[in-house]
């Protein structure tokens, strides 16, 4: 695995590619030997891997950190808007829009 070849942080993204639904990929990442750390996200969740990378880079980059903060605020607002629509209209109307 590439994590053993680099001193840089590595984020593993397990891929659903077999009959085991990605669990085999997940296990191959999380069972790296001691001394070979790998951050891991959910199966087929490259989006979260990218967001984690931005957060890691944001430690040393104020612009990235500010943009990550904005993304989180926008996401929160989007979810709260959807939740309010669901509360107001009910789940059937929400799903049939």
PDB file of N, CA and C in Angstrom:
ATOM      1  N   UNK A   1       0.853  -1.180   0.000  1.00  0.00           N
ATOM      2  CA  UNK A   1       0.000   0.000   0.000  1.00  0.00           C
ATOM      3  C   UNK A   1       0.893   1.234   0.000  1.00  0.00           C
ATOM      4  N   UNK A   2       0.443   2.272  -0.662  1.00  0.00           N
ATOM      5  CA  UNK A   2       1.234   3.486  -0.828  1.00  0.00           C
ATOM      6  C   UNK A   2       1.559   4.153   0.509  1.00  0.00           C
ATOM      7  N   UNK A   3       0.750   3.939   1.533  1.00  0.00           N
ATOM      8  CA  UNK A   3       0.985   4.568   2.832  1.00  0.00           C
ATOM      9  C   UNK A   3       2.336   4.177   3.417  1.00  0.00           C
ATOM     10  N   UNK A   4       2.829   3.013   3.074  1.00  0.00           N
ATOM     11  CA  UNK A   4       4.123   2.581   3.607  1.00  0.00           C
ATOM     12  C   UNK A   4       5.288   3.190   2.827  1.00  0.00           C
ATOM     13  N   UNK A   5       4.998   3.853   1.720  1.00  0.00           N
ATOM     14  CA  UNK A   5       6.052   4.395   0.861  1.00  0.00           C
ATOM     15  C   UNK A   5       6.233   5.899   0.975  1.00  0.00           C
ATOM     16  N   UNK A   6       5.386   6.573   1.746  1.00  0.00           N
ATOM     17  CA  UNK A   6       5.442   8.026   1.810  1.00  0.00           C
ATOM     18  C   UNK A   6       5.326   8.521   3.246  1.00  0.00           C
ATOM     19  N   UNK A   7       6.007   9.626   3.550  1.00  0.00           N
ATOM     20  CA  UNK A   7       5.844  10.227   4.874  1.00  0.00           C
ATOM     21  C   UNK A   7       4.619  11.147   4.940  1.00  0.00           C
ATOM     22  N   UNK A   8       3.938  11.345   3.810  1.00  0.00           N
ATOM     23  CA  UNK A   8       2.768  12.218   3.756  1.00  0.00           C
ATOM     24  C   UNK A   8       1.524  11.494   4.278  1.00  0.00           C
ATOM     25  N   UNK A   9       0.527  12.247   4.733  1.00  0.00           N
ATOM     26  CA  UNK A   9      -0.726  11.613   5.163  1.00  0.00           C
ATOM     27  C   UNK A   9      -1.405  10.907   3.990  1.00  0.00           C
ATOM     28  N   UNK A  10      -2.023   9.788   4.288  1.00  0.00           N
ATOM     29  CA  UNK A  10      -2.743   9.014   3.274  1.00  0.00           C
ATOM     30  C   UNK A  10      -4.170   8.814   3.767  1.00  0.00           C
ATOM     31  N   UNK A  11      -5.123   9.040   2.872  1.00  0.00           N
ATOM     32  CA  UNK A  11      -6.533   8.810   3.176  1.00  0.00           C
ATOM     33  C   UNK A  11      -7.007   7.652   2.312  1.00  0.00           C
ATOM     34  N   UNK A  12      -7.443   6.587   2.961  1.00  0.00           N
ATOM     35  CA  UNK A  12      -7.924   5.417   2.245  1.00  0.00           C
ATOM     36  C   UNK A  12      -9.408   5.530   1.959  1.00  0.00           C
ATOM     37  N   UNK A  13      -9.792   5.243   0.717  1.00  0.00           N
ATOM     38  CA  UNK A  13     -11.202   5.228   0.330  1.00  0.00           C
ATOM     39  C   UNK A  13     -11.542   3.802  -0.104  1.00  0.00           C
ATOM     40  N   UNK A  14     -12.193   3.051   0.764  1.00  0.00           N
ATOM     41  CA  UNK A  14     -12.568   1.693   0.368  1.00  0.00           C
ATOM     42  C   UNK A  14     -13.567   1.737  -0.789  1.00  0.00           C
ATOM     43  N   UNK A  15     -13.367   0.881  -1.766  1.00  0.00           N
ATOM     44  CA  UNK A  15     -14.200   0.874  -2.961  1.00  0.00           C
ATOM     45  C   UNK A  15     -15.043  -0.398  -2.987  1.00  0.00           C
ATOM     46  N   UNK A  16     -16.313  -0.234  -3.286  1.00  0.00           N
ATOM     47  CA  UNK A  16     -17.226  -1.372  -3.414  1.00  0.00           C
ATOM     48  C   UNK A  16     -16.973  -2.006  -4.774  1.00  0.00           C
ATOM     49  N   UNK A  17     -16.166  -3.079  -4.786  1.00  0.00           N
ATOM     50  CA  UNK A  17     -15.786  -3.678  -6.063  1.00  0.00           C
ATOM     51  C   UNK A  17     -15.979  -5.191  -6.089  1.00  0.00           C
ATOM     52  N   UNK A  18     -16.530  -5.747  -5.038  1.00  0.00           N
ATOM     53  CA  UNK A  18     -16.675  -7.199  -4.992  1.00  0.00           C
ATOM     54  C   UNK A  18     -18.000  -7.579  -4.350  1.00  0.00           C
ATOM     55  N   UNK A  19     -18.185  -8.841  -4.194  1.00  0.00           N
ATOM     56  CA  UNK A  19     -19.411  -9.334  -3.563  1.00  0.00           C
ATOM     57  C   UNK A  19     -19.442  -9.017  -2.072  1.00  0.00           C
ATOM     58  N   UNK A  20     -18.346  -8.568  -1.508  1.00  0.00           N
ATOM     59  CA  UNK A  20     -18.293  -8.234  -0.087  1.00  0.00           C
ATOM     60  C   UNK A  20     -18.695  -6.792   0.178  1.00  0.00           C
ATOM     61  N   UNK A  21     -19.195  -6.102  -0.830  1.00  0.00           N
ATOM     62  CA  UNK A  21     -19.766  -4.759  -0.673  1.00  0.00           C
ATOM     63  C   UNK A  21     -18.772  -3.714  -0.175  1.00  0.00           C
ATOM     64  N   UNK A  22     -17.497  -3.903  -0.445  1.00  0.00           N
ATOM     65  CA  UNK A  22     -16.482  -2.943  -0.035  1.00  0.00           C
ATOM     66  C   UNK A  22     -15.869  -3.224   1.324  1.00  0.00           C
ATOM     67  N   UNK A  23     -16.415  -4.187   2.048  1.00  0.00           N
ATOM     68  CA  UNK A  23     -15.879  -4.512   3.370  1.00  0.00           C
ATOM     69  C   UNK A  23     -14.451  -5.044   3.250  1.00  0.00           C
ATOM     70  N   UNK A  24     -14.174  -5.808   2.196  1.00  0.00           N
ATOM     71  CA  UNK A  24     -12.815  -6.302   1.988  1.00  0.00           C
ATOM     72  C   UNK A  24     -11.837  -5.149   1.786  1.00  0.00           C
ATOM     73  N   UNK A  25     -12.249  -4.145   1.033  1.00  0.00           N
ATOM     74  CA  UNK A  25     -11.401  -2.964   0.821  1.00  0.00           C
ATOM     75  C   UNK A  25     -11.198  -2.212   2.132  1.00  0.00           C
ATOM     76  N   UNK A  26     -12.277  -2.046   2.897  1.00  0.00           N
ATOM     77  CA  UNK A  26     -12.192  -1.362   4.184  1.00  0.00           C
ATOM     78  C   UNK A  26     -11.215  -2.074   5.115  1.00  0.00           C
ATOM     79  N   UNK A  27     -11.342  -3.392   5.208  1.00  0.00           N
ATOM     80  CA  UNK A  27     -10.455  -4.147   6.097  1.00  0.00           C
ATOM     81  C   UNK A  27      -8.993  -4.056   5.665  1.00  0.00           C
ATOM     82  N   UNK A  28      -8.742  -4.033   4.361  1.00  0.00           N
ATOM     83  CA  UNK A  28      -7.345  -3.942   3.907  1.00  0.00           C
ATOM     84  C   UNK A  28      -6.725  -2.599   4.276  1.00  0.00           C
ATOM     85  N   UNK A  29      -7.549  -1.573   4.424  1.00  0.00           N
ATOM     86  CA  UNK A  29      -7.041  -0.253   4.796  1.00  0.00           C
ATOM     87  C   UNK A  29      -6.846  -0.147   6.302  1.00  0.00           C
ATOM     88  N   UNK A  30      -7.853  -0.556   7.062  1.00  0.00           N
ATOM     89  CA  UNK A  30      -7.774  -0.360   8.516  1.00  0.00           C
ATOM     90  C   UNK A  30      -6.851  -1.359   9.202  1.00  0.00           C
ATOM     91  N   UNK A  31      -6.419  -2.390   8.506  1.00  0.00           N
ATOM     92  CA  UNK A  31      -5.519  -3.371   9.109  1.00  0.00           C
ATOM     93  C   UNK A  31      -4.069  -3.188   8.679  1.00  0.00           C
ATOM     94  N   UNK A  32      -3.715  -1.946   8.378  1.00  0.00           N
ATOM     95  CA  UNK A  32      -2.312  -1.672   8.064  1.00  0.00           C
ATOM     96  C   UNK A  32      -1.484  -1.925   9.325  1.00  0.00           C
ATOM     97  N   UNK A  33      -0.261  -2.365   9.157  1.00  0.00           N
ATOM     98  CA  UNK A  33       0.556  -2.671  10.341  1.00  0.00           C
ATOM     99  C   UNK A  33       0.922  -1.420  11.132  1.00  0.00           C
ATOM    100  N   UNK A  34       1.277  -1.635  12.387  1.00  0.00           N
ATOM    101  CA  UNK A  34       1.728  -0.546  13.255  1.00  0.00           C
ATOM    102  C   UNK A  34       2.847   0.226  12.550  1.00  0.00           C
ATOM    103  N   UNK A  35       2.748   1.531  12.619  1.00  0.00           N
ATOM    104  CA  UNK A  35       3.754   2.382  11.978  1.00  0.00           C
ATOM    105  C   UNK A  35       3.362   2.843  10.584  1.00  0.00           C
ATOM    106  N   UNK A  36       2.228   2.365  10.092  1.00  0.00           N
ATOM    107  CA  UNK A  36       1.741   2.771   8.777  1.00  0.00           C
ATOM    108  C   UNK A  36       0.312   3.302   8.949  1.00  0.00           C
ATOM    109  N   UNK A  37       0.198   4.551   9.434  1.00  0.00           N
ATOM    110  CA  UNK A  37      -1.139   5.101   9.668  1.00  0.00           C
ATOM    111  C   UNK A  37      -1.838   5.483   8.364  1.00  0.00           C
ATOM    112  N   UNK A  38      -3.127   5.204   8.320  1.00  0.00           N
ATOM    113  CA  UNK A  38      -3.952   5.572   7.171  1.00  0.00           C
ATOM    114  C   UNK A  38      -5.296   6.066   7.701  1.00  0.00           C
ATOM    115  N   UNK A  39      -5.670   7.272   7.324  1.00  0.00           N
ATOM    116  CA  UNK A  39      -7.012   7.756   7.644  1.00  0.00           C
ATOM    117  C   UNK A  39      -7.980   7.026   6.710  1.00  0.00           C
ATOM    118  N   UNK A  40      -9.173   6.740   7.196  1.00  0.00           N
ATOM    119  CA  UNK A  40     -10.133   5.979   6.400  1.00  0.00           C
ATOM    120  C   UNK A  40     -11.503   6.645   6.439  1.00  0.00           C
ATOM    121  N   UNK A  41     -12.180   6.648   5.305  1.00  0.00           N
ATOM    122  CA  UNK A  41     -13.543   7.162   5.228  1.00  0.00           C
ATOM    123  C   UNK A  41     -14.468   6.011   4.832  1.00  0.00           C
ATOM    124  N   UNK A  42     -15.753   6.290   4.755  1.00  0.00           N
ATOM    125  CA  UNK A  42     -16.737   5.260   4.443  1.00  0.00           C
ATOM    126  C   UNK A  42     -16.553   4.705   3.028  1.00  0.00           C
ATOM    127  N   UNK A  43     -17.067   3.515   2.816  1.00  0.00           N
ATOM    128  CA  UNK A  43     -16.998   2.856   1.518  1.00  0.00           C
ATOM    129  C   UNK A  43     -17.609   3.755   0.441  1.00  0.00           C
ATOM    130  N   UNK A  44     -16.874   3.908  -0.658  1.00  0.00           N
ATOM    131  CA  UNK A  44     -17.282   4.713  -1.816  1.00  0.00           C
ATOM    132  C   UNK A  44     -17.531   6.180  -1.475  1.00  0.00           C
ATOM    133  N   UNK A  45     -16.835   6.716  -0.483  1.00  0.00           N
ATOM    134  CA  UNK A  45     -17.096   8.091  -0.066  1.00  0.00           C
ATOM    135  C   UNK A  45     -15.881   8.986  -0.320  1.00  0.00           C
ATOM    136  N   UNK A  46     -15.547   9.141  -1.584  1.00  0.00           N
ATOM    137  CA  UNK A  46     -14.425   9.996  -1.961  1.00  0.00           C
ATOM    138  C   UNK A  46     -14.674  11.452  -1.583  1.00  0.00           C
ATOM    139  N   UNK A  47     -15.949  11.856  -1.515  1.00  0.00           N
ATOM    140  CA  UNK A  47     -16.271  13.232  -1.118  1.00  0.00           C
ATOM    141  C   UNK A  47     -15.723  13.521   0.273  1.00  0.00           C
ATOM    142  N   UNK A  48     -15.973  12.620   1.219  1.00  0.00           N
ATOM    143  CA  UNK A  48     -15.462  12.838   2.574  1.00  0.00           C
ATOM    144  C   UNK A  48     -13.938  12.783   2.613  1.00  0.00           C
ATOM    145  N   UNK A  49     -13.329  11.980   1.758  1.00  0.00           N
ATOM    146  CA  UNK A  49     -11.867  11.951   1.695  1.00  0.00           C
ATOM    147  C   UNK A  49     -11.338  13.314   1.260  1.00  0.00           C
ATOM    148  N   UNK A  50     -11.983  13.903   0.277  1.00  0.00           N
ATOM    149  CA  UNK A  50     -11.577  15.232  -0.181  1.00  0.00           C
ATOM    150  C   UNK A  50     -11.761  16.286   0.887  1.00  0.00           C
ATOM    151  N   UNK A  51     -12.894  16.214   1.588  1.00  0.00           N
ATOM    152  CA  UNK A  51     -13.146  17.182   2.666  1.00  0.00           C
ATOM    153  C   UNK A  51     -12.145  17.012   3.806  1.00  0.00           C
ATOM    154  N   UNK A  52     -11.797  15.782   4.125  1.00  0.00           N
ATOM    155  CA  UNK A  52     -10.787  15.538   5.163  1.00  0.00           C
ATOM    156  C   UNK A  52      -9.430  16.088   4.730  1.00  0.00           C
ATOM    157  N   UNK A  53      -9.091  15.917   3.474  1.00  0.00           N
ATOM    158  CA  UNK A  53      -7.828  16.455   2.961  1.00  0.00           C
ATOM    159  C   UNK A  53      -7.801  17.981   3.070  1.00  0.00           C
ATOM    160  N   UNK A  54      -8.910  18.620   2.732  1.00  0.00           N
ATOM    161  CA  UNK A  54      -8.976  20.085   2.843  1.00  0.00           C
ATOM    162  C   UNK A  54      -8.807  20.514   4.293  1.00  0.00           C
ATOM    163  N   UNK A  55      -9.427  19.796   5.221  1.00  0.00           N
ATOM    164  CA  UNK A  55      -9.276  20.133   6.638  1.00  0.00           C
ATOM    165  C   UNK A  55      -7.823  19.971   7.088  1.00  0.00           C
ATOM    166  N   UNK A  56      -7.169  18.914   6.613  1.00  0.00           N
ATOM    167  CA  UNK A  56      -5.767  18.696   6.984  1.00  0.00           C
ATOM    168  C   UNK A  56      -4.888  19.819   6.433  1.00  0.00           C
ATOM    169  N   UNK A  57      -5.112  20.181   5.184  1.00  0.00           N
ATOM    170  CA  UNK A  57      -4.336  21.256   4.567  1.00  0.00           C
ATOM    171  C   UNK A  57      -4.673  22.610   5.177  1.00  0.00           C
ATOM    172  N   UNK A  58      -5.907  22.751   5.656  1.00  0.00           N
ATOM    173  CA  UNK A  58      -6.352  23.999   6.265  1.00  0.00           C
ATOM    174  C   UNK A  58      -5.615  24.357   7.537  1.00  0.00           C
ATOM    175  N   UNK A  59      -4.977  23.374   8.149  1.00  0.00           N
ATOM    176  CA  UNK A  59      -4.176  23.646   9.347  1.00  0.00           C
ATOM    177  C   UNK A  59      -3.095  24.682   9.038  1.00  0.00           C
ATOM    178  N   UNK A  60      -2.577  24.657   7.818  1.00  0.00           N
ATOM    179  CA  UNK A  60      -1.508  25.584   7.450  1.00  0.00           C
ATOM    180  C   UNK A  60      -1.898  26.595   6.396  1.00  0.00           C
ATOM    181  N   UNK A  61      -3.181  26.678   6.062  1.00  0.00           N
ATOM    182  CA  UNK A  61      -3.622  27.570   4.988  1.00  0.00           C
ATOM    183  C   UNK A  61      -4.932  28.239   5.407  1.00  0.00           C
ATOM    184  N   UNK A  62      -4.847  29.500   5.800  1.00  0.00           N
ATOM    185  CA  UNK A  62      -6.009  30.221   6.322  1.00  0.00           C
ATOM    186  C   UNK A  62      -7.124  30.340   5.278  1.00  0.00           C
ATOM    187  N   UNK A  63      -6.771  30.485   4.002  1.00  0.00           N
ATOM    188  CA  UNK A  63      -7.782  30.593   2.956  1.00  0.00           C
ATOM    189  C   UNK A  63      -8.581  29.292   2.840  1.00  0.00           C
ATOM    190  N   UNK A  64      -7.880  28.165   2.827  1.00  0.00           N
ATOM    191  CA  UNK A  64      -8.579  26.878   2.768  1.00  0.00           C
ATOM    192  C   UNK A  64      -9.463  26.670   3.989  1.00  0.00           C
ATOM    193  N   UNK A  65      -8.958  27.051   5.141  1.00  0.00           N
ATOM    194  CA  UNK A  65      -9.735  26.905   6.371  1.00  0.00           C
ATOM    195  C   UNK A  65     -11.012  27.749   6.305  1.00  0.00           C
ATOM    196  N   UNK A  66     -10.915  28.961   5.813  1.00  0.00           N
ATOM    197  CA  UNK A  66     -12.081  29.833   5.680  1.00  0.00           C
ATOM    198  C   UNK A  66     -13.073  29.253   4.678  1.00  0.00           C
ATOM    199  N   UNK A  67     -12.565  28.707   3.583  1.00  0.00           N
ATOM    200  CA  UNK A  67     -13.445  28.110   2.580  1.00  0.00           C
ATOM    201  C   UNK A  67     -14.127  26.854   3.115  1.00  0.00           C
ATOM    202  N   UNK A  68     -13.410  26.093   3.947  1.00  0.00           N
ATOM    203  CA  UNK A  68     -14.012  24.912   4.565  1.00  0.00           C
ATOM    204  C   UNK A  68     -15.114  25.334   5.528  1.00  0.00           C
ATOM    205  N   UNK A  69     -14.859  26.375   6.300  1.00  0.00           N
ATOM    206  CA  UNK A  69     -15.885  26.908   7.199  1.00  0.00           C
ATOM    207  C   UNK A  69     -17.127  27.325   6.423  1.00  0.00           C
ATOM    208  N   UNK A  70     -16.935  28.011   5.307  1.00  0.00           N
ATOM    209  CA  UNK A  70     -18.058  28.452   4.480  1.00  0.00           C
ATOM    210  C   UNK A  70     -18.828  27.255   3.933  1.00  0.00           C
ATOM    211  N   UNK A  71     -18.107  26.245   3.491  1.00  0.00           N
ATOM    212  CA  UNK A  71     -18.747  25.028   2.986  1.00  0.00           C
ATOM    213  C   UNK A  71     -19.614  24.389   4.074  1.00  0.00           C
ATOM    214  N   UNK A  72     -19.081  24.325   5.292  1.00  0.00           N
ATOM    215  CA  UNK A  72     -19.837  23.730   6.392  1.00  0.00           C
ATOM    216  C   UNK A  72     -21.094  24.549   6.707  1.00  0.00           C
ATOM    217  N   UNK A  73     -20.967  25.852   6.702  1.00  0.00           N
ATOM    218  CA  UNK A  73     -22.133  26.707   6.948  1.00  0.00           C
ATOM    219  C   UNK A  73     -23.178  26.542   5.842  1.00  0.00           C
ATOM    220  N   UNK A  74     -22.737  26.505   4.593  1.00  0.00           N
ATOM    221  CA  UNK A  74     -23.659  26.321   3.471  1.00  0.00           C
ATOM    222  C   UNK A  74     -24.367  24.974   3.566  1.00  0.00           C
ATOM    223  N   UNK A  75     -23.622  23.940   3.925  1.00  0.00           N
ATOM    224  CA  UNK A  75     -24.202  22.605   4.068  1.00  0.00           C
ATOM    225  C   UNK A  75     -25.225  22.576   5.193  1.00  0.00           C
ATOM    226  N   UNK A  76     -24.892  23.199   6.317  1.00  0.00           N
ATOM    227  CA  UNK A  76     -25.832  23.274   7.439  1.00  0.00           C
ATOM    228  C   UNK A  76     -27.121  23.968   7.012  1.00  0.00           C
ATOM    229  N   UNK A  77     -27.004  25.104   6.326  1.00  0.00           N
ATOM    230  CA  UNK A  77     -28.181  25.843   5.878  1.00  0.00           C
ATOM    231  C   UNK A  77     -29.031  25.009   4.912  1.00  0.00           C
ATOM    232  N   UNK A  78     -28.373  24.294   4.011  1.00  0.00           N
ATOM    233  CA  UNK A  78     -29.066  23.434   3.044  1.00  0.00           C
ATOM    234  C   UNK A  78     -29.857  22.339   3.767  1.00  0.00           C
ATOM    235  N   UNK A  79     -29.213  21.692   4.741  1.00  0.00           N
ATOM    236  CA  UNK A  79     -29.872  20.619   5.489  1.00  0.00           C
ATOM    237  C   UNK A  79     -31.030  21.170   6.314  1.00  0.00           C
ATOM    238  N   UNK A  80     -30.843  22.314   6.958  1.00  0.00           N
ATOM    239  CA  UNK A  80     -31.919  22.897   7.761  1.00  0.00           C
ATOM    240  C   UNK A  80     -33.113  23.311   6.896  1.00  0.00           C
ATOM    241  N   UNK A  81     -32.857  23.793   5.696  1.00  0.00           N
ATOM    242  CA  UNK A  81     -33.928  24.142   4.767  1.00  0.00           C
ATOM    243  C   UNK A  81     -34.717  22.896   4.369  1.00  0.00           C
ATOM    244  N   UNK A  82     -33.993  21.815   4.065  1.00  0.00           N
ATOM    245  CA  UNK A  82     -34.656  20.563   3.721  1.00  0.00           C
ATOM    246  C   UNK A  82     -35.453  20.027   4.904  1.00  0.00           C
ATOM    247  N   UNK A  83     -34.899  20.112   6.096  1.00  0.00           N
ATOM    248  CA  UNK A  83     -35.587  19.614   7.293  1.00  0.00           C
ATOM    249  C   UNK A  83     -36.873  20.402   7.548  1.00  0.00           C
ATOM    250  N   UNK A  84     -36.820  21.704   7.347  1.00  0.00           N
ATOM    251  CA  UNK A  84     -38.011  22.537   7.546  1.00  0.00           C
ATOM    252  C   UNK A  84     -39.092  22.184   6.519  1.00  0.00           C
ATOM    253  N   UNK A  85     -38.681  21.973   5.276  1.00  0.00           N
ATOM    254  CA  UNK A  85     -39.643  21.591   4.242  1.00  0.00           C
ATOM    255  C   UNK A  85     -40.273  20.243   4.588  1.00  0.00           C
ATOM    256  N   UNK A  86     -39.482  19.320   5.056  1.00  0.00           N
ATOM    257  CA  UNK A  86     -39.984  18.010   5.462  1.00  0.00           C
ATOM    258  C   UNK A  86     -40.960  18.144   6.624  1.00  0.00           C
ATOM    259  N   UNK A  87     -40.617  18.969   7.610  1.00  0.00           N
ATOM    260  CA  UNK A  87     -41.491  19.173   8.763  1.00  0.00           C
ATOM    261  C   UNK A  87     -42.810  19.820   8.352  1.00  0.00           C
ATOM    262  N   UNK A  88     -42.709  20.809   7.470  1.00  0.00           N
ATOM    263  CA  UNK A  88     -43.888  21.577   7.062  1.00  0.00           C
ATOM    264  C   UNK A  88     -44.814  20.776   6.139  1.00  0.00           C
ATOM    265  N   UNK A  89     -44.239  20.102   5.149  1.00  0.00           N
ATOM    266  CA  UNK A  89     -45.048  19.450   4.114  1.00  0.00           C
ATOM    267  C   UNK A  89     -45.300  17.965   4.364  1.00  0.00           C
ATOM    268  N   UNK A  90     -44.516  17.336   5.245  1.00  0.00           N
ATOM    269  CA  UNK A  90     -44.644  15.897   5.467  1.00  0.00           C
ATOM    270  C   UNK A  90     -43.762  15.105   4.517  1.00  0.00           C
ATOM    271  N   UNK A  91     -43.503  13.886   4.889  1.00  0.00           N
ATOM    272  CA  UNK A  91     -42.546  13.086   4.122  1.00  0.00           C
ATOM    273  C   UNK A  91     -43.057  12.701   2.736  1.00  0.00           C
ATOM    274  N   UNK A  92     -44.347  12.469   2.576  1.00  0.00           N
ATOM    275  CA  UNK A  92     -44.859  12.060   1.270  1.00  0.00           C
ATOM    276  C   UNK A  92     -44.705  13.191   0.254  1.00  0.00           C
ATOM    277  N   UNK A  93     -45.086  14.391   0.641  1.00  0.00           N
ATOM    278  CA  UNK A  93     -44.939  15.548  -0.262  1.00  0.00           C
ATOM    279  C   UNK A  93     -43.464  15.823  -0.532  1.00  0.00           C
ATOM    280  N   UNK A  94     -42.644  15.646   0.491  1.00  0.00           N
ATOM    281  CA  UNK A  94     -41.204  15.890   0.343  1.00  0.00           C
ATOM    282  C   UNK A  94     -40.602  14.940  -0.700  1.00  0.00           C
ATOM    283  N   UNK A  95     -40.970  13.676  -0.611  1.00  0.00           N
ATOM    284  CA  UNK A  95     -40.409  12.683  -1.532  1.00  0.00           C
ATOM    285  C   UNK A  95     -40.981  12.780  -2.937  1.00  0.00           C
ATOM    286  N   UNK A  96     -42.200  13.326  -3.057  1.00  0.00           N
ATOM    287  CA  UNK A  96     -42.858  13.387  -4.369  1.00  0.00           C
ATOM    288  C   UNK A  96     -42.749  14.756  -5.014  1.00  0.00           C
ATOM    289  N   UNK A  97     -41.802  15.548  -4.640  1.00  0.00           N
ATOM    290  CA  UNK A  97     -41.654  16.880  -5.217  1.00  0.00           C
ATOM    291  C   UNK A  97     -41.069  16.848  -6.591  1.00  0.00           C
TER     292      UNK A  97
END
